N, C-alpha and C. Protein backbone atom coordinates (compact mmCIF):
# COMPACT_ATOMS: atom_id res chain seq x y z
N MET A 1 -30.68 28.62 2.61
CA MET A 1 -31.18 27.44 3.31
C MET A 1 -30.42 27.29 4.63
N THR A 2 -31.16 27.15 5.71
CA THR A 2 -30.54 27.04 7.02
C THR A 2 -30.43 25.58 7.43
N ASP A 3 -29.40 25.31 8.21
CA ASP A 3 -29.18 23.97 8.73
C ASP A 3 -29.74 23.93 10.14
N ASP A 4 -30.88 23.26 10.33
CA ASP A 4 -31.56 23.23 11.62
C ASP A 4 -31.03 22.16 12.56
N ARG A 5 -30.02 21.42 12.13
CA ARG A 5 -29.48 20.37 12.99
C ARG A 5 -28.66 20.99 14.12
N ASN A 6 -28.53 20.24 15.21
CA ASN A 6 -27.74 20.75 16.33
C ASN A 6 -26.25 20.71 15.97
N PRO A 7 -25.44 21.49 16.69
CA PRO A 7 -24.00 21.57 16.38
C PRO A 7 -23.30 20.21 16.42
N ALA A 8 -23.71 19.32 17.31
CA ALA A 8 -23.08 18.00 17.40
C ALA A 8 -23.32 17.20 16.12
N GLU A 9 -24.52 17.27 15.57
CA GLU A 9 -24.83 16.58 14.31
C GLU A 9 -24.03 17.17 13.16
N ARG A 10 -23.93 18.50 13.13
CA ARG A 10 -23.15 19.16 12.07
C ARG A 10 -21.67 18.77 12.17
N SER A 11 -21.14 18.69 13.40
CA SER A 11 -19.73 18.33 13.55
C SER A 11 -19.49 16.87 13.15
N LEU A 12 -20.48 16.02 13.37
CA LEU A 12 -20.35 14.63 12.93
C LEU A 12 -20.28 14.56 11.40
N ASP A 13 -21.12 15.34 10.74
CA ASP A 13 -21.07 15.41 9.27
C ASP A 13 -19.72 15.93 8.80
N GLU A 14 -19.19 16.94 9.51
CA GLU A 14 -17.87 17.48 9.16
C GLU A 14 -16.80 16.40 9.29
N LEU A 15 -16.89 15.59 10.35
CA LEU A 15 -15.94 14.49 10.53
C LEU A 15 -16.01 13.53 9.35
N TYR A 16 -17.21 13.14 8.98
CA TYR A 16 -17.39 12.17 7.90
C TYR A 16 -16.98 12.70 6.53
N ARG A 17 -16.80 14.01 6.41
CA ARG A 17 -16.38 14.61 5.14
C ARG A 17 -14.90 14.97 5.12
N ARG A 18 -14.19 14.71 6.21
CA ARG A 18 -12.75 15.03 6.27
C ARG A 18 -11.98 14.06 5.38
N PRO A 19 -11.01 14.56 4.60
CA PRO A 19 -10.23 13.67 3.74
C PRO A 19 -9.56 12.53 4.50
N GLY A 20 -8.97 12.84 5.66
CA GLY A 20 -8.30 11.79 6.42
C GLY A 20 -9.26 10.70 6.88
N PHE A 21 -10.44 11.09 7.33
CA PHE A 21 -11.43 10.12 7.77
C PHE A 21 -11.85 9.23 6.59
N LEU A 22 -12.15 9.87 5.47
CA LEU A 22 -12.59 9.12 4.29
C LEU A 22 -11.49 8.19 3.76
N LEU A 23 -10.24 8.68 3.76
CA LEU A 23 -9.13 7.84 3.29
C LEU A 23 -8.91 6.65 4.21
N ARG A 24 -8.99 6.88 5.53
CA ARG A 24 -8.83 5.77 6.48
C ARG A 24 -9.94 4.75 6.28
N ARG A 25 -11.15 5.23 6.11
CA ARG A 25 -12.29 4.32 5.93
C ARG A 25 -12.17 3.57 4.61
N ALA A 26 -11.74 4.27 3.56
CA ALA A 26 -11.54 3.62 2.26
C ALA A 26 -10.46 2.55 2.37
N HIS A 27 -9.41 2.83 3.13
CA HIS A 27 -8.35 1.83 3.33
C HIS A 27 -8.90 0.60 4.07
N GLN A 28 -9.70 0.83 5.10
CA GLN A 28 -10.30 -0.29 5.83
C GLN A 28 -11.15 -1.16 4.89
N ILE A 29 -11.91 -0.51 4.04
CA ILE A 29 -12.77 -1.23 3.10
C ILE A 29 -11.93 -1.99 2.09
N SER A 30 -10.90 -1.35 1.56
CA SER A 30 -10.02 -1.98 0.58
C SER A 30 -9.34 -3.22 1.16
N VAL A 31 -8.84 -3.11 2.38
CA VAL A 31 -8.20 -4.25 3.05
C VAL A 31 -9.22 -5.36 3.26
N ALA A 32 -10.42 -5.01 3.71
CA ALA A 32 -11.46 -6.01 3.95
C ALA A 32 -11.81 -6.76 2.65
N LEU A 33 -11.89 -6.04 1.54
CA LEU A 33 -12.19 -6.68 0.25
C LEU A 33 -11.08 -7.66 -0.13
N PHE A 34 -9.82 -7.24 0.05
CA PHE A 34 -8.68 -8.13 -0.25
C PHE A 34 -8.74 -9.38 0.63
N LEU A 35 -8.91 -9.18 1.93
CA LEU A 35 -8.93 -10.32 2.86
C LEU A 35 -10.10 -11.26 2.57
N GLU A 36 -11.22 -10.70 2.18
CA GLU A 36 -12.38 -11.53 1.83
C GLU A 36 -12.10 -12.34 0.57
N GLU A 37 -11.54 -11.70 -0.44
CA GLU A 37 -11.26 -12.40 -1.70
C GLU A 37 -10.13 -13.43 -1.53
N ALA A 38 -9.17 -13.11 -0.66
CA ALA A 38 -8.02 -14.01 -0.47
C ALA A 38 -8.19 -14.88 0.78
N ALA A 39 -9.43 -15.05 1.22
CA ALA A 39 -9.71 -15.85 2.42
C ALA A 39 -9.07 -17.23 2.28
N GLY A 40 -8.48 -17.67 3.37
CA GLY A 40 -7.85 -18.99 3.37
C GLY A 40 -6.39 -18.97 2.93
N LEU A 41 -5.92 -17.87 2.39
CA LEU A 41 -4.52 -17.80 1.94
C LEU A 41 -3.61 -17.24 3.03
N ALA A 42 -4.18 -16.69 4.10
CA ALA A 42 -3.41 -16.17 5.24
C ALA A 42 -2.33 -15.20 4.80
N LEU A 43 -2.73 -14.23 4.00
CA LEU A 43 -1.80 -13.24 3.49
C LEU A 43 -2.42 -11.86 3.67
N THR A 44 -1.67 -10.93 4.24
CA THR A 44 -2.17 -9.56 4.42
C THR A 44 -1.84 -8.73 3.18
N THR A 45 -2.46 -7.57 3.09
CA THR A 45 -2.17 -6.68 1.95
C THR A 45 -0.72 -6.20 1.99
N THR A 46 -0.17 -5.99 3.17
CA THR A 46 1.22 -5.53 3.28
C THR A 46 2.18 -6.65 2.90
N GLN A 47 1.88 -7.87 3.31
CA GLN A 47 2.71 -9.01 2.91
C GLN A 47 2.65 -9.18 1.39
N TYR A 48 1.46 -9.04 0.84
CA TYR A 48 1.30 -9.13 -0.61
C TYR A 48 2.14 -8.06 -1.30
N GLY A 49 2.08 -6.83 -0.81
CA GLY A 49 2.87 -5.74 -1.39
C GLY A 49 4.36 -6.04 -1.34
N ALA A 50 4.84 -6.55 -0.21
CA ALA A 50 6.26 -6.88 -0.08
C ALA A 50 6.66 -7.97 -1.08
N MET A 51 5.80 -8.95 -1.26
CA MET A 51 6.10 -10.03 -2.21
C MET A 51 6.10 -9.52 -3.65
N VAL A 52 5.20 -8.62 -3.97
CA VAL A 52 5.14 -8.05 -5.31
C VAL A 52 6.42 -7.27 -5.63
N VAL A 53 6.90 -6.47 -4.65
CA VAL A 53 8.13 -5.72 -4.93
C VAL A 53 9.33 -6.65 -5.02
N LEU A 54 9.34 -7.73 -4.25
CA LEU A 54 10.44 -8.70 -4.37
C LEU A 54 10.41 -9.38 -5.73
N ARG A 55 9.23 -9.72 -6.21
CA ARG A 55 9.14 -10.32 -7.54
C ARG A 55 9.63 -9.35 -8.61
N ALA A 56 9.28 -8.09 -8.46
CA ALA A 56 9.67 -7.08 -9.45
C ALA A 56 11.16 -6.81 -9.43
N ARG A 57 11.78 -6.80 -8.25
CA ARG A 57 13.19 -6.42 -8.13
C ARG A 57 14.14 -7.61 -8.01
N GLY A 58 13.63 -8.79 -7.78
CA GLY A 58 14.49 -9.97 -7.68
C GLY A 58 15.02 -10.18 -6.27
N SER A 59 15.68 -9.20 -5.72
CA SER A 59 16.16 -9.29 -4.35
C SER A 59 16.33 -7.88 -3.79
N LEU A 60 16.12 -7.79 -2.49
CA LEU A 60 16.22 -6.51 -1.78
C LEU A 60 16.63 -6.78 -0.35
N ASP A 61 17.06 -5.75 0.35
CA ASP A 61 17.20 -5.86 1.79
C ASP A 61 15.93 -5.29 2.41
N GLN A 62 15.84 -5.31 3.75
CA GLN A 62 14.63 -4.82 4.40
C GLN A 62 14.39 -3.34 4.15
N VAL A 63 15.44 -2.55 4.07
CA VAL A 63 15.28 -1.12 3.80
C VAL A 63 14.68 -0.92 2.40
N GLY A 64 15.14 -1.70 1.43
CA GLY A 64 14.60 -1.61 0.08
C GLY A 64 13.13 -1.96 0.02
N ILE A 65 12.74 -3.01 0.76
CA ILE A 65 11.32 -3.38 0.81
C ILE A 65 10.52 -2.25 1.45
N ALA A 66 11.00 -1.73 2.57
CA ALA A 66 10.30 -0.63 3.26
C ALA A 66 10.12 0.56 2.34
N THR A 67 11.17 0.89 1.59
CA THR A 67 11.15 2.04 0.70
C THR A 67 10.17 1.86 -0.46
N LEU A 68 10.06 0.65 -0.96
CA LEU A 68 9.18 0.40 -2.11
C LEU A 68 7.72 0.19 -1.72
N VAL A 69 7.49 -0.30 -0.50
CA VAL A 69 6.11 -0.54 -0.06
C VAL A 69 5.57 0.65 0.72
N GLY A 70 6.47 1.48 1.26
CA GLY A 70 6.02 2.64 2.03
C GLY A 70 5.62 2.28 3.44
N ILE A 71 6.42 1.41 4.08
CA ILE A 71 6.16 1.04 5.47
C ILE A 71 7.42 1.31 6.29
N ASP A 72 7.25 1.48 7.58
CA ASP A 72 8.40 1.77 8.44
C ASP A 72 9.22 0.50 8.67
N ARG A 73 10.41 0.69 9.20
CA ARG A 73 11.34 -0.43 9.35
C ARG A 73 10.84 -1.49 10.32
N SER A 74 10.19 -1.09 11.41
CA SER A 74 9.72 -2.09 12.37
C SER A 74 8.59 -2.93 11.77
N THR A 75 7.70 -2.30 11.02
CA THR A 75 6.65 -3.06 10.34
C THR A 75 7.26 -3.98 9.30
N THR A 76 8.27 -3.50 8.58
CA THR A 76 8.95 -4.32 7.58
C THR A 76 9.55 -5.55 8.23
N ALA A 77 10.17 -5.38 9.39
CA ALA A 77 10.77 -6.52 10.08
C ALA A 77 9.71 -7.56 10.43
N LEU A 78 8.54 -7.11 10.88
CA LEU A 78 7.45 -8.04 11.20
C LEU A 78 6.95 -8.75 9.94
N VAL A 79 6.77 -8.00 8.86
CA VAL A 79 6.28 -8.57 7.60
C VAL A 79 7.27 -9.60 7.07
N VAL A 80 8.55 -9.23 7.05
CA VAL A 80 9.58 -10.14 6.55
C VAL A 80 9.64 -11.40 7.41
N GLY A 81 9.53 -11.23 8.73
CA GLY A 81 9.53 -12.39 9.63
C GLY A 81 8.38 -13.34 9.34
N LYS A 82 7.19 -12.78 9.14
CA LYS A 82 6.01 -13.62 8.83
C LYS A 82 6.18 -14.33 7.48
N LEU A 83 6.70 -13.61 6.49
CA LEU A 83 6.90 -14.21 5.17
C LEU A 83 7.95 -15.31 5.22
N GLU A 84 8.99 -15.09 6.00
CA GLU A 84 10.03 -16.12 6.14
C GLU A 84 9.46 -17.34 6.87
N GLU A 85 8.70 -17.09 7.93
CA GLU A 85 8.07 -18.17 8.70
C GLU A 85 7.16 -19.02 7.81
N ALA A 86 6.46 -18.37 6.89
CA ALA A 86 5.56 -19.07 5.97
C ALA A 86 6.32 -19.76 4.83
N GLY A 87 7.61 -19.47 4.70
CA GLY A 87 8.41 -20.08 3.64
C GLY A 87 8.32 -19.36 2.30
N TYR A 88 7.80 -18.12 2.31
CA TYR A 88 7.61 -17.38 1.05
C TYR A 88 8.84 -16.58 0.62
N ILE A 89 9.77 -16.37 1.55
CA ILE A 89 10.99 -15.65 1.21
C ILE A 89 12.19 -16.40 1.78
N GLU A 90 13.35 -16.06 1.27
CA GLU A 90 14.60 -16.59 1.79
C GLU A 90 15.52 -15.40 2.07
N ARG A 91 16.26 -15.51 3.18
CA ARG A 91 17.24 -14.47 3.54
C ARG A 91 18.62 -15.08 3.52
N ARG A 92 19.57 -14.31 3.00
CA ARG A 92 20.97 -14.75 3.01
C ARG A 92 21.86 -13.55 3.27
N ASP A 93 23.05 -13.81 3.75
CA ASP A 93 24.00 -12.73 4.00
C ASP A 93 24.41 -12.10 2.68
N ASP A 94 24.58 -10.78 2.71
CA ASP A 94 25.12 -10.06 1.57
C ASP A 94 26.61 -10.41 1.47
N ALA A 95 27.08 -10.69 0.28
CA ALA A 95 28.48 -11.06 0.09
C ALA A 95 29.43 -9.92 0.45
N VAL A 96 28.99 -8.68 0.30
CA VAL A 96 29.84 -7.52 0.56
C VAL A 96 29.71 -7.05 2.02
N ASP A 97 28.50 -6.97 2.53
CA ASP A 97 28.24 -6.46 3.87
C ASP A 97 27.52 -7.55 4.67
N LYS A 98 28.24 -8.24 5.52
CA LYS A 98 27.69 -9.38 6.27
C LYS A 98 26.57 -8.97 7.24
N ARG A 99 26.48 -7.69 7.58
CA ARG A 99 25.40 -7.23 8.46
C ARG A 99 24.08 -7.15 7.71
N ARG A 100 24.14 -7.07 6.41
CA ARG A 100 22.97 -6.88 5.56
C ARG A 100 22.46 -8.24 5.08
N LYS A 101 21.15 -8.41 5.13
CA LYS A 101 20.51 -9.64 4.64
C LYS A 101 19.83 -9.35 3.31
N ILE A 102 20.07 -10.21 2.35
CA ILE A 102 19.42 -10.11 1.05
C ILE A 102 18.20 -11.02 1.07
N ILE A 103 17.08 -10.48 0.63
CA ILE A 103 15.81 -11.21 0.68
C ILE A 103 15.33 -11.46 -0.74
N THR A 104 14.94 -12.71 -1.00
CA THR A 104 14.38 -13.08 -2.30
C THR A 104 13.12 -13.90 -2.09
N LEU A 105 12.28 -13.94 -3.09
CA LEU A 105 11.11 -14.81 -3.03
C LEU A 105 11.56 -16.25 -3.20
N SER A 106 10.98 -17.14 -2.44
CA SER A 106 11.24 -18.57 -2.60
C SER A 106 10.29 -19.11 -3.67
N ALA A 107 10.46 -20.35 -4.02
CA ALA A 107 9.54 -21.00 -4.96
C ALA A 107 8.12 -20.96 -4.40
N ALA A 108 7.99 -21.19 -3.09
CA ALA A 108 6.67 -21.12 -2.45
C ALA A 108 6.09 -19.71 -2.53
N GLY A 109 6.96 -18.69 -2.44
CA GLY A 109 6.51 -17.30 -2.56
C GLY A 109 5.99 -17.00 -3.95
N HIS A 110 6.71 -17.47 -4.96
CA HIS A 110 6.24 -17.29 -6.34
C HIS A 110 4.90 -18.00 -6.54
N ALA A 111 4.78 -19.21 -5.98
CA ALA A 111 3.53 -19.97 -6.10
C ALA A 111 2.38 -19.24 -5.40
N MET A 112 2.66 -18.65 -4.23
CA MET A 112 1.62 -17.91 -3.51
C MET A 112 1.18 -16.68 -4.30
N LEU A 113 2.13 -15.98 -4.89
CA LEU A 113 1.74 -14.83 -5.72
C LEU A 113 0.86 -15.26 -6.89
N GLU A 114 1.15 -16.39 -7.44
CA GLU A 114 0.30 -16.91 -8.53
C GLU A 114 -1.11 -17.21 -7.99
N ARG A 115 -1.18 -17.83 -6.81
CA ARG A 115 -2.47 -18.19 -6.21
C ARG A 115 -3.29 -16.95 -5.85
N VAL A 116 -2.62 -15.89 -5.39
CA VAL A 116 -3.33 -14.71 -4.91
C VAL A 116 -3.62 -13.71 -6.03
N SER A 117 -3.09 -13.95 -7.21
CA SER A 117 -3.27 -12.96 -8.29
C SER A 117 -4.75 -12.76 -8.65
N GLN A 118 -5.50 -13.80 -8.78
CA GLN A 118 -6.93 -13.65 -9.11
C GLN A 118 -7.73 -13.04 -7.96
N PRO A 119 -7.55 -13.51 -6.71
CA PRO A 119 -8.25 -12.83 -5.62
C PRO A 119 -7.90 -11.35 -5.51
N ALA A 120 -6.64 -11.00 -5.72
CA ALA A 120 -6.23 -9.59 -5.66
C ALA A 120 -6.90 -8.80 -6.78
N ALA A 121 -6.98 -9.38 -7.97
CA ALA A 121 -7.64 -8.71 -9.09
C ALA A 121 -9.13 -8.52 -8.80
N ARG A 122 -9.76 -9.54 -8.20
CA ARG A 122 -11.18 -9.41 -7.85
C ARG A 122 -11.39 -8.32 -6.80
N ALA A 123 -10.50 -8.25 -5.81
CA ALA A 123 -10.61 -7.21 -4.78
C ALA A 123 -10.49 -5.83 -5.40
N ARG A 124 -9.57 -5.68 -6.35
CA ARG A 124 -9.40 -4.40 -7.03
C ARG A 124 -10.67 -4.05 -7.82
N GLU A 125 -11.20 -5.02 -8.54
CA GLU A 125 -12.43 -4.79 -9.30
C GLU A 125 -13.58 -4.39 -8.38
N ARG A 126 -13.71 -5.08 -7.25
CA ARG A 126 -14.78 -4.76 -6.31
C ARG A 126 -14.62 -3.36 -5.74
N ALA A 127 -13.38 -2.97 -5.46
CA ALA A 127 -13.14 -1.64 -4.90
C ALA A 127 -13.52 -0.54 -5.88
N LEU A 128 -13.39 -0.83 -7.16
CA LEU A 128 -13.71 0.18 -8.18
C LEU A 128 -15.12 0.02 -8.75
N GLU A 129 -15.84 -1.00 -8.31
CA GLU A 129 -17.18 -1.30 -8.79
C GLU A 129 -18.18 -0.14 -8.70
N PRO A 130 -18.14 0.69 -7.65
CA PRO A 130 -19.11 1.77 -7.57
C PRO A 130 -18.96 2.83 -8.67
N PHE A 131 -17.85 2.79 -9.40
CA PHE A 131 -17.56 3.82 -10.39
C PHE A 131 -17.74 3.31 -11.82
N SER A 132 -18.06 4.23 -12.72
CA SER A 132 -17.97 3.92 -14.15
C SER A 132 -16.49 3.76 -14.46
N SER A 133 -16.15 3.22 -15.62
CA SER A 133 -14.73 3.05 -15.95
C SER A 133 -14.02 4.41 -16.01
N LYS A 134 -14.72 5.42 -16.52
CA LYS A 134 -14.14 6.76 -16.58
C LYS A 134 -13.92 7.32 -15.17
N ASP A 135 -14.91 7.16 -14.29
CA ASP A 135 -14.78 7.65 -12.92
C ASP A 135 -13.71 6.87 -12.15
N ALA A 136 -13.60 5.57 -12.40
CA ALA A 136 -12.57 4.76 -11.74
C ALA A 136 -11.19 5.27 -12.13
N ALA A 137 -10.98 5.53 -13.40
CA ALA A 137 -9.68 6.06 -13.85
C ALA A 137 -9.41 7.41 -13.21
N ARG A 138 -10.40 8.25 -13.13
CA ARG A 138 -10.26 9.58 -12.51
C ARG A 138 -9.98 9.45 -11.01
N PHE A 139 -10.71 8.56 -10.34
CA PHE A 139 -10.51 8.31 -8.91
C PHE A 139 -9.06 7.87 -8.65
N LEU A 140 -8.57 6.92 -9.43
CA LEU A 140 -7.19 6.45 -9.26
C LEU A 140 -6.19 7.56 -9.56
N ALA A 141 -6.45 8.34 -10.58
CA ALA A 141 -5.55 9.45 -10.92
C ALA A 141 -5.51 10.48 -9.79
N LEU A 142 -6.65 10.77 -9.20
CA LEU A 142 -6.69 11.71 -8.08
C LEU A 142 -5.98 11.15 -6.85
N LEU A 143 -6.16 9.87 -6.56
CA LEU A 143 -5.44 9.26 -5.45
C LEU A 143 -3.94 9.29 -5.69
N GLU A 144 -3.51 8.99 -6.92
CA GLU A 144 -2.08 9.05 -7.26
C GLU A 144 -1.54 10.46 -7.09
N ARG A 145 -2.30 11.45 -7.51
CA ARG A 145 -1.87 12.84 -7.36
C ARG A 145 -1.72 13.19 -5.88
N PHE A 146 -2.68 12.78 -5.07
CA PHE A 146 -2.63 13.04 -3.63
C PHE A 146 -1.40 12.37 -3.01
N VAL A 147 -1.18 11.10 -3.33
CA VAL A 147 -0.04 10.37 -2.78
C VAL A 147 1.28 10.99 -3.22
N THR A 148 1.38 11.37 -4.47
CA THR A 148 2.59 12.00 -4.98
C THR A 148 2.84 13.34 -4.30
N ALA A 149 1.79 14.10 -4.12
CA ALA A 149 1.93 15.43 -3.52
C ALA A 149 2.43 15.37 -2.08
N PHE A 150 2.04 14.35 -1.34
CA PHE A 150 2.37 14.30 0.07
C PHE A 150 3.29 13.14 0.44
N ASN A 151 3.80 12.41 -0.52
CA ASN A 151 4.66 11.24 -0.27
C ASN A 151 5.82 11.56 0.66
N GLU A 152 6.50 12.65 0.41
CA GLU A 152 7.71 12.98 1.19
C GLU A 152 7.40 13.44 2.61
N GLN A 153 6.15 13.72 2.89
CA GLN A 153 5.78 14.21 4.22
C GLN A 153 5.39 13.07 5.16
N THR A 154 5.58 11.84 4.74
CA THR A 154 5.22 10.69 5.56
C THR A 154 6.45 10.13 6.26
N ARG A 155 6.22 9.28 7.26
CA ARG A 155 7.32 8.60 7.94
C ARG A 155 8.00 7.60 7.03
N ALA A 156 7.29 7.11 6.03
CA ALA A 156 7.83 6.07 5.17
C ALA A 156 7.49 6.38 3.71
N PRO A 157 8.20 7.35 3.11
CA PRO A 157 7.91 7.68 1.71
C PRO A 157 8.29 6.53 0.78
N ILE A 158 7.57 6.45 -0.32
CA ILE A 158 7.86 5.43 -1.33
C ILE A 158 8.77 6.05 -2.38
N HIS A 159 9.81 5.29 -2.74
CA HIS A 159 10.71 5.69 -3.81
C HIS A 159 10.82 4.50 -4.75
N ALA A 160 9.85 4.36 -5.64
CA ALA A 160 9.77 3.20 -6.51
C ALA A 160 10.80 3.18 -7.62
N GLY A 161 11.41 4.31 -7.92
CA GLY A 161 12.37 4.36 -9.02
C GLY A 161 13.58 3.48 -8.83
N THR A 162 14.12 3.43 -7.62
CA THR A 162 15.36 2.69 -7.41
C THR A 162 15.30 1.73 -6.24
N GLY A 163 14.36 1.93 -5.34
CA GLY A 163 14.34 1.14 -4.12
C GLY A 163 15.31 1.69 -3.09
N GLU A 164 15.97 2.79 -3.41
CA GLU A 164 16.91 3.45 -2.50
C GLU A 164 16.30 4.77 -2.06
N LYS A 165 16.70 5.23 -0.91
CA LYS A 165 16.25 6.54 -0.43
C LYS A 165 16.85 7.62 -1.31
N ARG A 166 16.05 8.60 -1.66
CA ARG A 166 16.52 9.75 -2.44
C ARG A 166 16.36 10.99 -1.58
N PRO A 167 17.07 12.06 -1.94
CA PRO A 167 16.88 13.30 -1.19
C PRO A 167 15.42 13.73 -1.23
N LYS A 168 14.97 14.30 -0.13
CA LYS A 168 13.57 14.73 -0.06
C LYS A 168 13.28 15.81 -1.06
N ARG A 169 12.18 15.67 -1.74
CA ARG A 169 11.72 16.66 -2.70
C ARG A 169 10.23 16.84 -2.44
N VAL A 170 9.85 18.01 -2.08
CA VAL A 170 8.45 18.26 -1.79
C VAL A 170 7.75 18.65 -3.07
N VAL A 171 6.68 17.93 -3.37
CA VAL A 171 5.88 18.23 -4.55
C VAL A 171 4.64 18.96 -4.05
N LYS A 172 4.47 20.18 -4.50
CA LYS A 172 3.30 20.96 -4.07
C LYS A 172 2.07 20.48 -4.83
N PRO A 173 0.96 20.27 -4.11
CA PRO A 173 -0.26 19.85 -4.79
C PRO A 173 -0.77 20.93 -5.73
N LYS A 174 -1.26 20.48 -6.87
CA LYS A 174 -1.87 21.41 -7.82
C LYS A 174 -3.26 21.76 -7.32
N ALA A 175 -3.68 22.94 -7.63
CA ALA A 175 -5.04 23.34 -7.25
C ALA A 175 -6.03 22.48 -7.99
N ALA A 176 -7.03 22.01 -7.27
CA ALA A 176 -8.07 21.19 -7.88
C ALA A 176 -8.95 22.07 -8.77
N PRO A 177 -9.31 21.56 -9.94
CA PRO A 177 -10.18 22.36 -10.80
C PRO A 177 -11.56 22.54 -10.17
N ARG A 178 -12.10 23.69 -10.28
CA ARG A 178 -13.43 23.96 -9.75
C ARG A 178 -14.48 23.53 -10.76
N SER A 179 -15.50 22.86 -10.25
CA SER A 179 -16.58 22.46 -11.18
C SER A 179 -17.83 23.22 -10.92
């Protein structure tokens, strides 16, 4: 079967089938679903992620938040500033290292996480809606495999085990099964 389309049309199709293009577009859609479900709460997905890791760990510094959310330090500073401005976090000097600020969720931060829990769950459900439950589990497993395989090759790798930077370890992607 021959493809009678012009080269420009074929290259557009190639663009739309590139993993990076599809992942970027999926991210845009995922963020839009979260913002739509959480409308009126004035909370971004990155702010939500930072608050979730603070709830899980109790307290962290900015480097710990960056490491657990997978964002660079300058973005972390902006996120932490916005969360502090909104009253969702509190910063205090570290008792050992006065240059270091310890960040914890405030009572208002805990309350906001409670308020956003249902909208976040709805956004997640909507994002997985196009799939059967089996396909949704497979889709998430494949995304996790992709993220794990290339985590260390990013500017801001995630190290969820400790919240501390660990030595780089490159995980080679497994060959995808042929169907």
